[in-house]
Amino acid sequence: MERIAAGDAGALGEIYDAYGRIVFAIVYRMLASPEAAEEVAQDVFHAVWRRAGAYRRERGAVRTWLLAIARNAAIDWRRTRGKRVEREVELDAATAMRADSSVVDSVLLSLRAERVRDAVRTLPPEQRDVLALAFWGGLTQAEIALRTATPLGTVKSRVRLGMEKLRLHLAEES
């Protein structure tokens, strides 16, 4: 690990040769997709390269440290996978929509977006903040609760109330 921390790529190759299969196997067991497992395993060894200086022999074996990185990387990948797919689909849909839309459609979309922005501005800050984290930040309600140190039930109530106020505000304008 000292050699990797010093920038010795050969040492990283030795670690990969020794632990590459076990890292892949563990990640594959957690993700059940060979493509995802390959991607995450590559990320794991990239993290080892970047964080080799953080390894402390007295805290455990290299294998234990490496497998903890692999486990955490697989969990992170599972958590963000759905969001990544949604963003890719949204981007594809937005590109197709833009290509097919006329000037009138673009103006209507812009006006609708402005109406939504105006409606969001009318919300109390605590509702506006949780909606921003949920819809524009891509966080789950549980993640919002953790990030803001707010009880989960309070976050759920704020999201529900904020959405209801937006619905009513936008319905009145229509």
N, C-alpha and C. Protein backbone atom coordinates (compact mmCIF):
# COMPACT_ATOMS: atom_id res chain seq x y z
N MET A 1 0.83 -1.19 0.00
CA MET A 1 0.00 0.00 0.00
C MET A 1 0.88 1.26 0.00
N GLU A 2 2.01 1.17 0.67
CA GLU A 2 2.93 2.31 0.67
C GLU A 2 3.43 2.60 -0.74
N ARG A 3 3.70 1.55 -1.50
CA ARG A 3 4.16 1.74 -2.87
C ARG A 3 3.07 2.38 -3.74
N ILE A 4 1.82 1.97 -3.54
CA ILE A 4 0.72 2.57 -4.31
C ILE A 4 0.59 4.04 -3.93
N ALA A 5 0.65 4.32 -2.61
CA ALA A 5 0.56 5.71 -2.15
C ALA A 5 1.67 6.57 -2.75
N ALA A 6 2.82 5.94 -3.02
CA ALA A 6 3.95 6.66 -3.62
C ALA A 6 3.82 6.78 -5.14
N GLY A 7 2.75 6.20 -5.71
CA GLY A 7 2.52 6.32 -7.15
C GLY A 7 3.05 5.18 -7.99
N ASP A 8 3.31 4.04 -7.37
CA ASP A 8 3.83 2.87 -8.09
C ASP A 8 2.67 2.08 -8.71
N ALA A 9 2.48 2.24 -10.01
CA ALA A 9 1.40 1.56 -10.72
C ALA A 9 1.57 0.05 -10.70
N GLY A 10 2.80 -0.41 -10.67
CA GLY A 10 3.06 -1.85 -10.61
C GLY A 10 2.50 -2.46 -9.33
N ALA A 11 2.58 -1.71 -8.23
CA ALA A 11 2.04 -2.20 -6.96
C ALA A 11 0.52 -2.31 -7.04
N LEU A 12 -0.11 -1.37 -7.72
CA LEU A 12 -1.56 -1.46 -7.91
C LEU A 12 -1.90 -2.70 -8.72
N GLY A 13 -1.09 -3.00 -9.72
CA GLY A 13 -1.30 -4.21 -10.51
C GLY A 13 -1.19 -5.47 -9.66
N GLU A 14 -0.25 -5.47 -8.73
CA GLU A 14 -0.11 -6.61 -7.83
C GLU A 14 -1.34 -6.78 -6.94
N ILE A 15 -1.85 -5.67 -6.42
CA ILE A 15 -3.07 -5.71 -5.58
C ILE A 15 -4.23 -6.21 -6.43
N TYR A 16 -4.31 -5.71 -7.66
CA TYR A 16 -5.40 -6.14 -8.55
C TYR A 16 -5.30 -7.64 -8.83
N ASP A 17 -4.10 -8.11 -9.12
CA ASP A 17 -3.91 -9.54 -9.38
C ASP A 17 -4.31 -10.39 -8.17
N ALA A 18 -4.00 -9.89 -6.98
CA ALA A 18 -4.28 -10.64 -5.76
C ALA A 18 -5.76 -10.60 -5.38
N TYR A 19 -6.43 -9.48 -5.61
CA TYR A 19 -7.78 -9.30 -5.08
C TYR A 19 -8.85 -8.98 -6.12
N GLY A 20 -8.48 -8.84 -7.38
CA GLY A 20 -9.44 -8.46 -8.42
C GLY A 20 -10.62 -9.40 -8.52
N ARG A 21 -10.37 -10.70 -8.48
CA ARG A 21 -11.46 -11.67 -8.61
C ARG A 21 -12.42 -11.63 -7.43
N ILE A 22 -11.87 -11.53 -6.22
CA ILE A 22 -12.73 -11.51 -5.03
C ILE A 22 -13.55 -10.23 -4.99
N VAL A 23 -12.95 -9.10 -5.39
CA VAL A 23 -13.69 -7.84 -5.44
C VAL A 23 -14.83 -7.97 -6.44
N PHE A 24 -14.52 -8.48 -7.64
CA PHE A 24 -15.57 -8.65 -8.65
C PHE A 24 -16.67 -9.58 -8.14
N ALA A 25 -16.29 -10.69 -7.52
CA ALA A 25 -17.28 -11.66 -7.03
C ALA A 25 -18.21 -11.04 -5.99
N ILE A 26 -17.66 -10.30 -5.07
CA ILE A 26 -18.48 -9.67 -4.02
C ILE A 26 -19.41 -8.63 -4.63
N VAL A 27 -18.87 -7.80 -5.49
CA VAL A 27 -19.68 -6.76 -6.12
C VAL A 27 -20.75 -7.39 -7.00
N TYR A 28 -20.39 -8.42 -7.74
CA TYR A 28 -21.35 -9.11 -8.60
C TYR A 28 -22.48 -9.72 -7.77
N ARG A 29 -22.15 -10.29 -6.63
CA ARG A 29 -23.16 -10.87 -5.75
C ARG A 29 -24.14 -9.79 -5.27
N MET A 30 -23.63 -8.60 -5.05
CA MET A 30 -24.48 -7.51 -4.56
C MET A 30 -25.30 -6.86 -5.68
N LEU A 31 -24.79 -6.86 -6.90
CA LEU A 31 -25.44 -6.13 -7.99
C LEU A 31 -26.13 -7.02 -9.01
N ALA A 32 -25.71 -8.26 -9.12
CA ALA A 32 -26.30 -9.25 -10.04
C ALA A 32 -26.25 -8.81 -11.50
N SER A 33 -25.28 -8.01 -11.84
CA SER A 33 -25.10 -7.60 -13.23
C SER A 33 -23.61 -7.58 -13.52
N PRO A 34 -23.15 -8.37 -14.50
CA PRO A 34 -21.72 -8.39 -14.77
C PRO A 34 -21.19 -7.03 -15.24
N GLU A 35 -22.00 -6.30 -16.01
CA GLU A 35 -21.55 -4.99 -16.48
C GLU A 35 -21.39 -4.03 -15.31
N ALA A 36 -22.38 -4.03 -14.41
CA ALA A 36 -22.31 -3.14 -13.25
C ALA A 36 -21.15 -3.55 -12.34
N ALA A 37 -20.97 -4.86 -12.17
CA ALA A 37 -19.88 -5.34 -11.31
C ALA A 37 -18.52 -4.93 -11.87
N GLU A 38 -18.36 -5.01 -13.19
CA GLU A 38 -17.10 -4.58 -13.80
C GLU A 38 -16.86 -3.09 -13.56
N GLU A 39 -17.90 -2.30 -13.75
CA GLU A 39 -17.78 -0.86 -13.56
C GLU A 39 -17.42 -0.52 -12.11
N VAL A 40 -18.11 -1.16 -11.17
CA VAL A 40 -17.87 -0.87 -9.76
C VAL A 40 -16.49 -1.39 -9.34
N ALA A 41 -16.11 -2.57 -9.81
CA ALA A 41 -14.78 -3.09 -9.47
C ALA A 41 -13.69 -2.15 -9.97
N GLN A 42 -13.87 -1.61 -11.16
CA GLN A 42 -12.91 -0.64 -11.67
C GLN A 42 -12.87 0.60 -10.77
N ASP A 43 -14.05 1.04 -10.35
CA ASP A 43 -14.12 2.19 -9.43
C ASP A 43 -13.41 1.89 -8.12
N VAL A 44 -13.52 0.65 -7.64
CA VAL A 44 -12.88 0.26 -6.38
C VAL A 44 -11.36 0.42 -6.50
N PHE A 45 -10.78 -0.10 -7.56
CA PHE A 45 -9.32 -0.02 -7.70
C PHE A 45 -8.86 1.41 -8.00
N HIS A 46 -9.71 2.17 -8.61
CA HIS A 46 -9.41 3.59 -8.78
C HIS A 46 -9.39 4.28 -7.42
N ALA A 47 -10.34 3.91 -6.56
CA ALA A 47 -10.38 4.47 -5.20
C ALA A 47 -9.15 4.04 -4.41
N VAL A 48 -8.71 2.80 -4.59
CA VAL A 48 -7.50 2.32 -3.91
C VAL A 48 -6.32 3.18 -4.34
N TRP A 49 -6.22 3.46 -5.62
CA TRP A 49 -5.12 4.28 -6.13
C TRP A 49 -5.15 5.67 -5.49
N ARG A 50 -6.35 6.25 -5.41
CA ARG A 50 -6.48 7.60 -4.85
C ARG A 50 -6.30 7.64 -3.33
N ARG A 51 -6.75 6.58 -2.64
CA ARG A 51 -6.78 6.62 -1.18
C ARG A 51 -5.77 5.71 -0.50
N ALA A 52 -4.79 5.23 -1.21
CA ALA A 52 -3.82 4.31 -0.62
C ALA A 52 -3.14 4.91 0.60
N GLY A 53 -2.93 6.19 0.61
CA GLY A 53 -2.30 6.84 1.74
C GLY A 53 -3.16 6.81 3.01
N ALA A 54 -4.44 6.55 2.87
CA ALA A 54 -5.35 6.51 4.02
C ALA A 54 -5.34 5.14 4.71
N TYR A 55 -4.77 4.14 4.04
CA TYR A 55 -4.74 2.80 4.63
C TYR A 55 -3.83 2.80 5.86
N ARG A 56 -4.32 2.18 6.94
CA ARG A 56 -3.55 2.04 8.18
C ARG A 56 -3.46 0.57 8.54
N ARG A 57 -2.26 0.03 8.50
CA ARG A 57 -2.00 -1.38 8.77
C ARG A 57 -2.55 -1.80 10.13
N GLU A 58 -2.41 -0.91 11.14
CA GLU A 58 -2.84 -1.27 12.49
C GLU A 58 -4.36 -1.41 12.62
N ARG A 59 -5.10 -0.91 11.65
CA ARG A 59 -6.56 -0.99 11.71
C ARG A 59 -7.11 -2.23 11.01
N GLY A 60 -6.28 -2.96 10.27
CA GLY A 60 -6.75 -4.18 9.62
C GLY A 60 -5.94 -4.51 8.39
N ALA A 61 -6.24 -5.68 7.86
CA ALA A 61 -5.54 -6.17 6.67
C ALA A 61 -5.96 -5.41 5.43
N VAL A 62 -5.09 -5.44 4.41
CA VAL A 62 -5.39 -4.81 3.14
C VAL A 62 -6.68 -5.39 2.57
N ARG A 63 -6.83 -6.69 2.65
CA ARG A 63 -8.03 -7.36 2.13
C ARG A 63 -9.28 -6.79 2.77
N THR A 64 -9.29 -6.62 4.08
CA THR A 64 -10.46 -6.10 4.79
C THR A 64 -10.77 -4.68 4.33
N TRP A 65 -9.74 -3.86 4.23
CA TRP A 65 -9.89 -2.47 3.79
C TRP A 65 -10.44 -2.42 2.37
N LEU A 66 -9.87 -3.22 1.50
CA LEU A 66 -10.27 -3.26 0.10
C LEU A 66 -11.72 -3.73 -0.05
N LEU A 67 -12.10 -4.77 0.68
CA LEU A 67 -13.46 -5.29 0.57
C LEU A 67 -14.48 -4.32 1.16
N ALA A 68 -14.10 -3.54 2.15
CA ALA A 68 -14.99 -2.50 2.67
C ALA A 68 -15.23 -1.43 1.60
N ILE A 69 -14.19 -1.07 0.88
CA ILE A 69 -14.33 -0.10 -0.22
C ILE A 69 -15.26 -0.69 -1.28
N ALA A 70 -15.08 -1.97 -1.60
CA ALA A 70 -15.91 -2.62 -2.62
C ALA A 70 -17.37 -2.65 -2.18
N ARG A 71 -17.61 -3.03 -0.94
CA ARG A 71 -18.98 -3.10 -0.43
C ARG A 71 -19.64 -1.72 -0.50
N ASN A 72 -18.94 -0.70 -0.03
CA ASN A 72 -19.50 0.65 -0.04
C ASN A 72 -19.75 1.15 -1.46
N ALA A 73 -18.85 0.82 -2.37
CA ALA A 73 -19.02 1.25 -3.76
C ALA A 73 -20.24 0.57 -4.38
N ALA A 74 -20.45 -0.71 -4.08
CA ALA A 74 -21.62 -1.41 -4.61
C ALA A 74 -22.91 -0.83 -4.05
N ILE A 75 -22.90 -0.52 -2.77
CA ILE A 75 -24.09 0.09 -2.15
C ILE A 75 -24.37 1.45 -2.78
N ASP A 76 -23.33 2.25 -2.96
CA ASP A 76 -23.50 3.56 -3.60
C ASP A 76 -24.04 3.41 -5.02
N TRP A 77 -23.53 2.44 -5.75
CA TRP A 77 -23.99 2.23 -7.12
C TRP A 77 -25.46 1.85 -7.13
N ARG A 78 -25.86 0.95 -6.22
CA ARG A 78 -27.27 0.56 -6.15
C ARG A 78 -28.16 1.74 -5.82
N ARG A 79 -27.72 2.60 -4.92
CA ARG A 79 -28.52 3.76 -4.53
C ARG A 79 -28.69 4.75 -5.67
N THR A 80 -27.65 4.94 -6.46
CA THR A 80 -27.70 5.97 -7.50
C THR A 80 -28.10 5.43 -8.86
N ARG A 81 -28.14 4.12 -9.02
CA ARG A 81 -28.43 3.54 -10.33
C ARG A 81 -29.75 4.04 -10.90
N GLY A 82 -30.81 3.99 -10.12
CA GLY A 82 -32.11 4.42 -10.60
C GLY A 82 -32.11 5.89 -10.99
N LYS A 83 -31.44 6.70 -10.22
CA LYS A 83 -31.39 8.12 -10.52
C LYS A 83 -30.62 8.37 -11.82
N ARG A 84 -29.54 7.58 -12.02
CA ARG A 84 -28.76 7.72 -13.24
C ARG A 84 -29.61 7.36 -14.45
N VAL A 85 -30.35 6.26 -14.35
CA VAL A 85 -31.20 5.83 -15.47
C VAL A 85 -32.27 6.87 -15.75
N GLU A 86 -32.90 7.43 -14.68
CA GLU A 86 -33.91 8.46 -14.87
C GLU A 86 -33.34 9.67 -15.59
N ARG A 87 -32.14 10.12 -15.17
CA ARG A 87 -31.53 11.29 -15.81
C ARG A 87 -31.24 11.01 -17.28
N GLU A 88 -30.76 9.80 -17.58
CA GLU A 88 -30.47 9.46 -18.97
C GLU A 88 -31.74 9.46 -19.79
N VAL A 89 -32.83 8.89 -19.26
CA VAL A 89 -34.10 8.86 -19.97
C VAL A 89 -34.63 10.27 -20.15
N GLU A 90 -34.55 11.09 -19.07
CA GLU A 90 -35.03 12.46 -19.16
C GLU A 90 -34.24 13.24 -20.21
N LEU A 91 -32.94 13.04 -20.26
CA LEU A 91 -32.11 13.74 -21.23
C LEU A 91 -32.48 13.33 -22.64
N ASP A 92 -32.67 12.01 -22.87
CA ASP A 92 -33.08 11.54 -24.19
C ASP A 92 -34.43 12.11 -24.57
N ALA A 93 -35.36 12.11 -23.61
CA ALA A 93 -36.70 12.64 -23.87
C ALA A 93 -36.64 14.14 -24.17
N ALA A 94 -35.82 14.86 -23.43
CA ALA A 94 -35.70 16.30 -23.64
C ALA A 94 -35.11 16.59 -25.01
N THR A 95 -34.14 15.81 -25.41
CA THR A 95 -33.53 16.02 -26.72
C THR A 95 -34.53 15.76 -27.83
N ALA A 96 -35.30 14.67 -27.68
CA ALA A 96 -36.31 14.35 -28.69
C ALA A 96 -37.39 15.42 -28.72
N MET A 97 -37.79 15.88 -27.54
CA MET A 97 -38.84 16.89 -27.45
C MET A 97 -38.37 18.17 -28.13
N ARG A 98 -37.14 18.54 -27.87
CA ARG A 98 -36.62 19.78 -28.45
C ARG A 98 -36.56 19.67 -29.97
N ALA A 99 -36.15 18.52 -30.46
CA ALA A 99 -36.03 18.34 -31.91
C ALA A 99 -37.40 18.40 -32.58
N ASP A 100 -38.43 17.90 -31.90
CA ASP A 100 -39.76 17.84 -32.49
C ASP A 100 -40.61 19.07 -32.23
N SER A 101 -40.20 19.92 -31.33
CA SER A 101 -41.07 21.02 -30.93
C SER A 101 -40.96 22.19 -31.89
N SER A 102 -42.05 22.91 -31.95
CA SER A 102 -42.07 24.13 -32.76
C SER A 102 -41.80 25.32 -31.84
N VAL A 103 -41.74 26.47 -32.40
CA VAL A 103 -41.51 27.68 -31.62
C VAL A 103 -42.66 27.87 -30.63
N VAL A 104 -43.87 27.63 -31.06
CA VAL A 104 -45.04 27.79 -30.18
C VAL A 104 -44.93 26.85 -28.99
N ASP A 105 -44.56 25.61 -29.23
CA ASP A 105 -44.40 24.65 -28.13
C ASP A 105 -43.33 25.11 -27.16
N SER A 106 -42.24 25.65 -27.68
CA SER A 106 -41.16 26.13 -26.82
C SER A 106 -41.64 27.28 -25.94
N VAL A 107 -42.43 28.19 -26.52
CA VAL A 107 -42.95 29.31 -25.75
C VAL A 107 -43.89 28.81 -24.67
N LEU A 108 -44.77 27.86 -25.01
CA LEU A 108 -45.70 27.31 -24.03
C LEU A 108 -44.96 26.61 -22.88
N LEU A 109 -43.94 25.85 -23.21
CA LEU A 109 -43.15 25.18 -22.17
C LEU A 109 -42.47 26.20 -21.27
N SER A 110 -41.96 27.25 -21.87
CA SER A 110 -41.30 28.29 -21.08
C SER A 110 -42.28 28.98 -20.15
N LEU A 111 -43.48 29.26 -20.63
CA LEU A 111 -44.51 29.89 -19.80
C LEU A 111 -44.93 28.97 -18.66
N ARG A 112 -45.08 27.68 -18.96
CA ARG A 112 -45.43 26.71 -17.91
C ARG A 112 -44.34 26.64 -16.85
N ALA A 113 -43.10 26.61 -17.28
CA ALA A 113 -41.98 26.54 -16.34
C ALA A 113 -41.97 27.78 -15.45
N GLU A 114 -42.26 28.94 -16.02
CA GLU A 114 -42.30 30.17 -15.23
C GLU A 114 -43.45 30.12 -14.22
N ARG A 115 -44.58 29.57 -14.61
CA ARG A 115 -45.71 29.42 -13.67
C ARG A 115 -45.33 28.52 -12.51
N VAL A 116 -44.63 27.43 -12.80
CA VAL A 116 -44.20 26.52 -11.74
C VAL A 116 -43.20 27.22 -10.82
N ARG A 117 -42.25 27.95 -11.39
CA ARG A 117 -41.28 28.68 -10.56
C ARG A 117 -41.98 29.69 -9.66
N ASP A 118 -42.97 30.41 -10.21
CA ASP A 118 -43.72 31.37 -9.40
C ASP A 118 -44.47 30.66 -8.28
N ALA A 119 -45.07 29.53 -8.58
CA ALA A 119 -45.81 28.78 -7.56
C ALA A 119 -44.86 28.28 -6.47
N VAL A 120 -43.69 27.81 -6.85
CA VAL A 120 -42.71 27.33 -5.86
C VAL A 120 -42.27 28.47 -4.95
N ARG A 121 -42.14 29.68 -5.51
CA ARG A 121 -41.73 30.84 -4.69
C ARG A 121 -42.74 31.17 -3.60
N THR A 122 -44.02 30.78 -3.79
CA THR A 122 -45.04 31.10 -2.80
C THR A 122 -45.02 30.15 -1.60
N LEU A 123 -44.28 29.05 -1.70
CA LEU A 123 -44.24 28.06 -0.62
C LEU A 123 -43.41 28.57 0.56
N PRO A 124 -43.75 28.12 1.76
CA PRO A 124 -42.88 28.42 2.91
C PRO A 124 -41.50 27.80 2.67
N PRO A 125 -40.45 28.42 3.20
CA PRO A 125 -39.08 27.94 2.93
C PRO A 125 -38.86 26.47 3.26
N GLU A 126 -39.43 25.96 4.35
CA GLU A 126 -39.18 24.55 4.71
C GLU A 126 -39.79 23.60 3.69
N GLN A 127 -40.95 23.96 3.10
CA GLN A 127 -41.54 23.11 2.06
C GLN A 127 -40.77 23.26 0.75
N ARG A 128 -40.39 24.48 0.43
CA ARG A 128 -39.62 24.73 -0.80
C ARG A 128 -38.29 23.98 -0.76
N ASP A 129 -37.63 23.98 0.41
CA ASP A 129 -36.33 23.32 0.53
C ASP A 129 -36.44 21.81 0.34
N VAL A 130 -37.43 21.16 0.97
CA VAL A 130 -37.54 19.70 0.82
C VAL A 130 -37.93 19.32 -0.60
N LEU A 131 -38.78 20.14 -1.24
CA LEU A 131 -39.14 19.84 -2.63
C LEU A 131 -37.94 20.01 -3.55
N ALA A 132 -37.13 21.01 -3.29
CA ALA A 132 -35.92 21.21 -4.11
C ALA A 132 -34.97 20.03 -3.95
N LEU A 133 -34.78 19.58 -2.71
CA LEU A 133 -33.89 18.44 -2.49
C LEU A 133 -34.45 17.16 -3.14
N ALA A 134 -35.77 17.01 -3.08
CA ALA A 134 -36.39 15.79 -3.63
C ALA A 134 -36.41 15.79 -5.15
N PHE A 135 -36.88 16.86 -5.74
CA PHE A 135 -37.12 16.85 -7.18
C PHE A 135 -35.94 17.34 -8.00
N TRP A 136 -35.21 18.32 -7.52
CA TRP A 136 -34.06 18.80 -8.28
C TRP A 136 -32.76 18.22 -7.76
N GLY A 137 -32.76 17.80 -6.51
CA GLY A 137 -31.55 17.19 -5.94
C GLY A 137 -31.54 15.69 -6.08
N GLY A 138 -32.70 15.08 -6.39
CA GLY A 138 -32.78 13.64 -6.59
C GLY A 138 -32.67 12.82 -5.31
N LEU A 139 -32.91 13.43 -4.15
CA LEU A 139 -32.79 12.70 -2.89
C LEU A 139 -34.12 12.06 -2.51
N THR A 140 -34.04 10.96 -1.81
CA THR A 140 -35.24 10.34 -1.26
C THR A 140 -35.63 11.11 -0.01
N GLN A 141 -36.84 10.86 0.47
CA GLN A 141 -37.27 11.55 1.68
C GLN A 141 -36.40 11.14 2.87
N ALA A 142 -35.99 9.90 2.93
CA ALA A 142 -35.10 9.45 4.02
C ALA A 142 -33.75 10.16 3.94
N GLU A 143 -33.22 10.34 2.73
CA GLU A 143 -31.95 11.05 2.57
C GLU A 143 -32.08 12.52 2.96
N ILE A 144 -33.24 13.11 2.64
CA ILE A 144 -33.48 14.50 3.03
C ILE A 144 -33.52 14.62 4.54
N ALA A 145 -34.19 13.67 5.19
CA ALA A 145 -34.28 13.68 6.65
C ALA A 145 -32.88 13.62 7.27
N LEU A 146 -32.04 12.75 6.74
CA LEU A 146 -30.67 12.65 7.25
C LEU A 146 -29.87 13.92 7.00
N ARG A 147 -29.97 14.44 5.78
CA ARG A 147 -29.18 15.61 5.41
C ARG A 147 -29.59 16.85 6.21
N THR A 148 -30.90 16.99 6.48
CA THR A 148 -31.37 18.20 7.16
C THR A 148 -31.58 18.00 8.65
N ALA A 149 -31.31 16.79 9.15
CA ALA A 149 -31.52 16.48 10.57
C ALA A 149 -32.96 16.78 10.98
N THR A 150 -33.89 16.39 10.11
CA THR A 150 -35.32 16.58 10.34
C THR A 150 -35.96 15.19 10.41
N PRO A 151 -36.92 15.00 11.32
CA PRO A 151 -37.60 13.70 11.38
C PRO A 151 -38.23 13.33 10.03
N LEU A 152 -38.18 12.05 9.69
CA LEU A 152 -38.70 11.59 8.40
C LEU A 152 -40.17 11.95 8.23
N GLY A 153 -40.96 11.80 9.29
CA GLY A 153 -42.38 12.15 9.20
C GLY A 153 -42.59 13.62 8.87
N THR A 154 -41.75 14.48 9.41
CA THR A 154 -41.84 15.91 9.11
C THR A 154 -41.50 16.18 7.65
N VAL A 155 -40.46 15.51 7.15
CA VAL A 155 -40.09 15.66 5.73
C VAL A 155 -41.24 15.22 4.84
N LYS A 156 -41.83 14.07 5.16
CA LYS A 156 -42.96 13.56 4.35
C LYS A 156 -44.12 14.55 4.36
N SER A 157 -44.42 15.10 5.53
CA SER A 157 -45.52 16.08 5.64
C SER A 157 -45.22 17.32 4.82
N ARG A 158 -43.99 17.80 4.89
CA ARG A 158 -43.63 19.00 4.14
C ARG A 158 -43.72 18.77 2.63
N VAL A 159 -43.29 17.60 2.18
CA VAL A 159 -43.39 17.29 0.75
C VAL A 159 -44.86 17.24 0.34
N ARG A 160 -45.67 16.53 1.12
CA ARG A 160 -47.10 16.39 0.80
C ARG A 160 -47.79 17.75 0.79
N LEU A 161 -47.56 18.57 1.83
CA LEU A 161 -48.17 19.89 1.90
C LEU A 161 -47.70 20.79 0.77
N GLY A 162 -46.42 20.77 0.49
CA GLY A 162 -45.87 21.58 -0.59
C GLY A 162 -46.47 21.20 -1.94
N MET A 163 -46.58 19.90 -2.19
CA MET A 163 -47.16 19.43 -3.46
C MET A 163 -48.63 19.83 -3.56
N GLU A 164 -49.35 19.72 -2.47
CA GLU A 164 -50.77 20.10 -2.47
C GLU A 164 -50.92 21.60 -2.75
N LYS A 165 -50.08 22.41 -2.11
CA LYS A 165 -50.15 23.87 -2.35
C LYS A 165 -49.80 24.20 -3.80
N LEU A 166 -48.81 23.52 -4.34
CA LEU A 166 -48.46 23.75 -5.75
C LEU A 166 -49.63 23.37 -6.67
N ARG A 167 -50.23 22.22 -6.38
CA ARG A 167 -51.36 21.76 -7.20
C ARG A 167 -52.49 22.78 -7.18
N LEU A 168 -52.84 23.26 -5.99
CA LEU A 168 -53.91 24.25 -5.85
C LEU A 168 -53.55 25.56 -6.54
N HIS A 169 -52.33 26.02 -6.35
CA HIS A 169 -51.88 27.27 -6.95
C HIS A 169 -51.93 27.19 -8.48
N LEU A 170 -51.46 26.10 -9.02
CA LEU A 170 -51.43 25.95 -10.47
C LEU A 170 -52.84 25.72 -11.03
N ALA A 171 -53.70 25.05 -10.27
CA ALA A 171 -55.09 24.84 -10.71
C ALA A 171 -55.84 26.17 -10.77
N GLU A 172 -55.59 27.06 -9.79
CA GLU A 172 -56.23 28.37 -9.77
C GLU A 172 -55.83 29.20 -10.98
N GLU A 173 -54.56 29.10 -11.39
CA GLU A 173 -54.10 29.87 -12.54
C GLU A 173 -54.68 29.35 -13.85
N SER A 174 -54.97 28.04 -13.88
CA SER A 174 -55.52 27.47 -15.12
C SER A 174 -56.96 27.87 -15.24
